[in-house]
């Protein structure tokens, strides 16, 4: 029950985050003392400990960490072209969407080509999700108790819901 005020920055807005934290990056948390905190996991740990009763008390799993390393090695080839077509607030102007496409295509490759080669990657992720299914201990905590693995895993799985044709094993879907 922590009050939050969310501000979405357009993807082509480099000025605002640079003024706040010295470089273009998100997310950024402005704390009650008006100071800014830019690193995702720093923000997670800060918020988790605010009330003195942290929720992320579980241990990390080497098997989950390895699974994440493997999948993160190719997931952006599926995700980035689909992000570019999605109705995210940070792409609410043509210039913001173009900035994203230009920047990400320069590093990941042409989005049309990536989309055209999705079938093999969809098979790969479906196979990898079957492997993940065997690692999930509980539907509300991958290792049985909330941990940093949940913070790393859940957003990736949520993002993968943008990709049609993925086969979601039951425990992964429940998670």
Protein backbone atom coordinates (compact mmCIF):
# COMPACT_ATOMS: atom_id res chain seq x y z
CA UNK A 1 0.00 0.00 0.00
CA UNK A 2 2.61 2.51 -1.07
CA UNK A 3 1.22 5.50 -2.94
CA UNK A 4 2.81 5.89 -6.37
CA UNK A 5 2.53 8.57 -9.01
CA UNK A 6 3.50 7.21 -12.42
CA UNK A 7 5.00 9.44 -15.12
CA UNK A 8 5.64 7.89 -18.52
CA UNK A 9 8.46 9.43 -20.54
CA UNK A 10 8.29 9.39 -24.32
CA UNK A 11 10.93 7.11 -25.76
CA UNK A 12 12.66 10.02 -27.51
CA UNK A 13 12.84 12.14 -24.33
CA UNK A 14 16.51 12.10 -23.36
CA UNK A 15 16.42 15.46 -21.61
CA UNK A 16 14.22 14.48 -18.64
CA UNK A 17 16.07 11.36 -17.46
CA UNK A 18 19.44 13.00 -18.12
CA UNK A 19 18.43 15.90 -15.90
CA UNK A 20 17.30 13.46 -13.20
CA UNK A 21 20.08 10.83 -13.21
CA UNK A 22 22.71 11.96 -15.70
CA UNK A 23 21.77 9.67 -18.58
CA UNK A 24 18.84 8.40 -20.64
CA UNK A 25 17.51 5.41 -18.74
CA UNK A 26 14.33 4.21 -17.07
CA UNK A 27 12.86 3.36 -14.65
CA UNK A 28 13.60 6.18 -12.26
CA UNK A 29 12.16 6.44 -8.76
CA UNK A 30 11.87 9.83 -7.10
CA UNK A 31 12.06 9.15 -3.39
CA UNK A 32 10.25 11.16 -0.70
CA UNK A 33 13.41 13.22 -0.11
CA UNK A 34 13.24 14.25 -3.84
CA UNK A 35 16.40 12.32 -4.75
CA UNK A 36 16.28 10.04 -7.79
CA UNK A 37 17.14 6.35 -7.94
CA UNK A 38 17.76 4.94 -11.45
CA UNK A 39 18.63 1.25 -11.23
CA UNK A 40 15.75 -1.25 -11.48
CA UNK A 41 16.99 -3.69 -8.85
CA UNK A 42 18.03 -0.85 -6.53
CA UNK A 43 14.45 0.43 -6.81
CA UNK A 44 13.05 -3.06 -6.13
CA UNK A 45 15.19 -3.51 -3.00
CA UNK A 46 14.45 0.02 -1.76
CA UNK A 47 10.67 -0.40 -2.10
CA UNK A 48 10.78 -3.94 -0.69
CA UNK A 49 12.43 -2.70 2.51
CA UNK A 50 10.38 0.49 3.00
CA UNK A 51 8.05 -0.98 5.62
CA UNK A 52 10.74 -3.07 7.31
CA UNK A 53 9.02 -6.29 6.18
CA UNK A 54 10.71 -7.35 2.94
CA UNK A 55 8.88 -9.81 0.70
CA UNK A 56 11.85 -10.90 -1.42
CA UNK A 57 13.33 -13.28 1.12
CA UNK A 58 13.76 -16.41 -1.01
CA UNK A 59 17.03 -17.69 -2.36
CA UNK A 60 17.93 -17.46 -6.03
CA UNK A 61 18.03 -20.63 -8.09
CA UNK A 62 21.09 -21.28 -10.27
CA UNK A 63 18.82 -23.21 -12.66
CA UNK A 64 16.47 -20.21 -13.05
CA UNK A 65 19.43 -17.85 -13.48
CA UNK A 66 20.82 -20.11 -16.23
CA UNK A 67 17.40 -20.34 -17.90
CA UNK A 68 17.14 -16.53 -17.87
CA UNK A 69 20.66 -16.16 -19.32
CA UNK A 70 19.82 -18.54 -22.15
CA UNK A 71 16.47 -16.99 -23.04
CA UNK A 72 17.64 -13.40 -22.64
CA UNK A 73 20.25 -14.23 -25.28
CA UNK A 74 17.58 -14.34 -27.98
CA UNK A 75 14.26 -13.04 -26.59
CA UNK A 76 14.77 -9.48 -27.86
CA UNK A 77 14.71 -10.77 -31.43
CA UNK A 78 11.10 -11.76 -30.75
CA UNK A 79 10.18 -8.87 -28.48
CA UNK A 80 11.67 -5.68 -29.93
CA UNK A 81 9.75 -5.74 -33.24
CA UNK A 82 6.54 -6.42 -31.32
CA UNK A 83 7.24 -3.67 -28.77
CA UNK A 84 7.59 -1.26 -31.71
CA UNK A 85 4.06 -2.13 -32.89
CA UNK A 86 2.47 -2.04 -29.43
CA UNK A 87 0.31 0.71 -27.98
CA UNK A 88 2.71 1.63 -25.18
CA UNK A 89 2.42 5.15 -23.81
CA UNK A 90 6.14 5.78 -24.39
CA UNK A 91 5.43 5.44 -28.13
CA UNK A 92 2.43 7.78 -28.18
CA UNK A 93 4.01 10.10 -30.77
CA UNK A 94 5.37 9.08 -34.17
CA UNK A 95 8.76 10.60 -33.25
CA UNK A 96 8.99 8.53 -30.06
CA UNK A 97 8.16 5.30 -31.92
CA UNK A 98 10.64 6.14 -34.72
CA UNK A 99 13.37 6.84 -32.16
CA UNK A 100 12.84 3.38 -30.64
CA UNK A 101 12.78 1.61 -34.01
CA UNK A 102 15.89 3.39 -35.30
CA UNK A 103 17.87 2.79 -32.11
CA UNK A 104 16.89 -0.86 -31.66
CA UNK A 105 17.18 -1.85 -35.32
CA UNK A 106 20.75 -0.51 -35.27
CA UNK A 107 21.64 -3.02 -32.55
CA UNK A 108 19.21 -5.93 -33.08
CA UNK A 109 18.62 -5.93 -36.84
CA UNK A 110 15.82 -4.99 -39.21
CA UNK A 111 12.47 -5.57 -37.52
CA UNK A 112 10.80 -6.87 -40.70
CA UNK A 113 13.57 -9.47 -41.04
CA UNK A 114 13.28 -10.42 -37.37
CA UNK A 115 9.52 -10.85 -37.70
CA UNK A 116 9.99 -12.96 -40.84
CA UNK A 117 12.28 -15.32 -38.90
CA UNK A 118 10.06 -15.63 -35.82
CA UNK A 119 8.95 -19.23 -36.33
CA UNK A 120 12.25 -20.79 -35.26
CA UNK A 121 12.53 -18.50 -32.25
CA UNK A 122 8.93 -19.26 -31.25
CA UNK A 123 9.80 -22.97 -31.34
CA UNK A 124 12.92 -22.26 -29.24
CA UNK A 125 11.03 -20.27 -26.61
CA UNK A 126 8.26 -22.87 -26.47
CA UNK A 127 10.90 -25.56 -25.85
CA UNK A 128 12.60 -23.40 -23.23
CA UNK A 129 9.26 -22.74 -21.51
CA UNK A 130 8.77 -26.51 -21.21
CA UNK A 131 12.12 -26.66 -19.42
CA UNK A 132 11.10 -23.75 -17.18
CA UNK A 133 7.82 -25.49 -16.37
CA UNK A 134 9.77 -28.21 -14.53
CA UNK A 135 11.59 -25.60 -12.42
CA UNK A 136 8.53 -23.72 -11.12
CA UNK A 137 7.83 -24.60 -7.49
CA UNK A 138 4.70 -22.48 -6.85
CA UNK A 139 2.44 -20.37 -9.07
CA UNK A 140 3.13 -17.27 -6.95
CA UNK A 141 6.89 -17.75 -6.41
CA UNK A 142 9.08 -19.57 -8.90
CA UNK A 143 11.37 -20.98 -6.19
CA UNK A 144 8.63 -21.46 -3.58
CA UNK A 145 9.33 -18.14 -1.84
CA UNK A 146 9.47 -14.72 -3.51
CA UNK A 147 12.99 -13.89 -4.66
CA UNK A 148 14.91 -11.80 -7.15
CA UNK A 149 14.29 -14.61 -9.64
CA UNK A 150 10.61 -13.61 -9.68
CA UNK A 151 11.56 -9.99 -10.35
CA UNK A 152 13.72 -11.10 -13.30
CA UNK A 153 11.40 -13.81 -14.65
CA UNK A 154 7.91 -12.33 -14.48
CA UNK A 155 8.49 -9.30 -16.76
CA UNK A 156 10.12 -11.50 -19.40
CA UNK A 157 7.18 -13.90 -19.37
CA UNK A 158 4.72 -11.02 -19.44
CA UNK A 159 6.53 -9.50 -22.43
CA UNK A 160 6.46 -12.84 -24.23
CA UNK A 161 2.64 -12.73 -24.16
CA UNK A 162 3.01 -10.25 -27.06
CA UNK A 163 4.24 -13.12 -29.25
CA UNK A 164 1.50 -15.17 -30.91
CA UNK A 165 2.08 -18.89 -31.30
CA UNK A 166 4.06 -19.59 -28.14
CA UNK A 167 3.05 -22.78 -26.33
CA UNK A 168 2.61 -22.03 -22.62
CA UNK A 169 2.99 -25.09 -20.37
CA UNK A 170 0.52 -25.21 -17.48
CA UNK A 171 2.82 -24.25 -14.59
CA UNK A 172 4.32 -21.37 -16.58
CA UNK A 173 0.83 -20.16 -17.53
CA UNK A 174 -0.33 -20.42 -13.90
CA UNK A 175 2.74 -18.51 -12.74
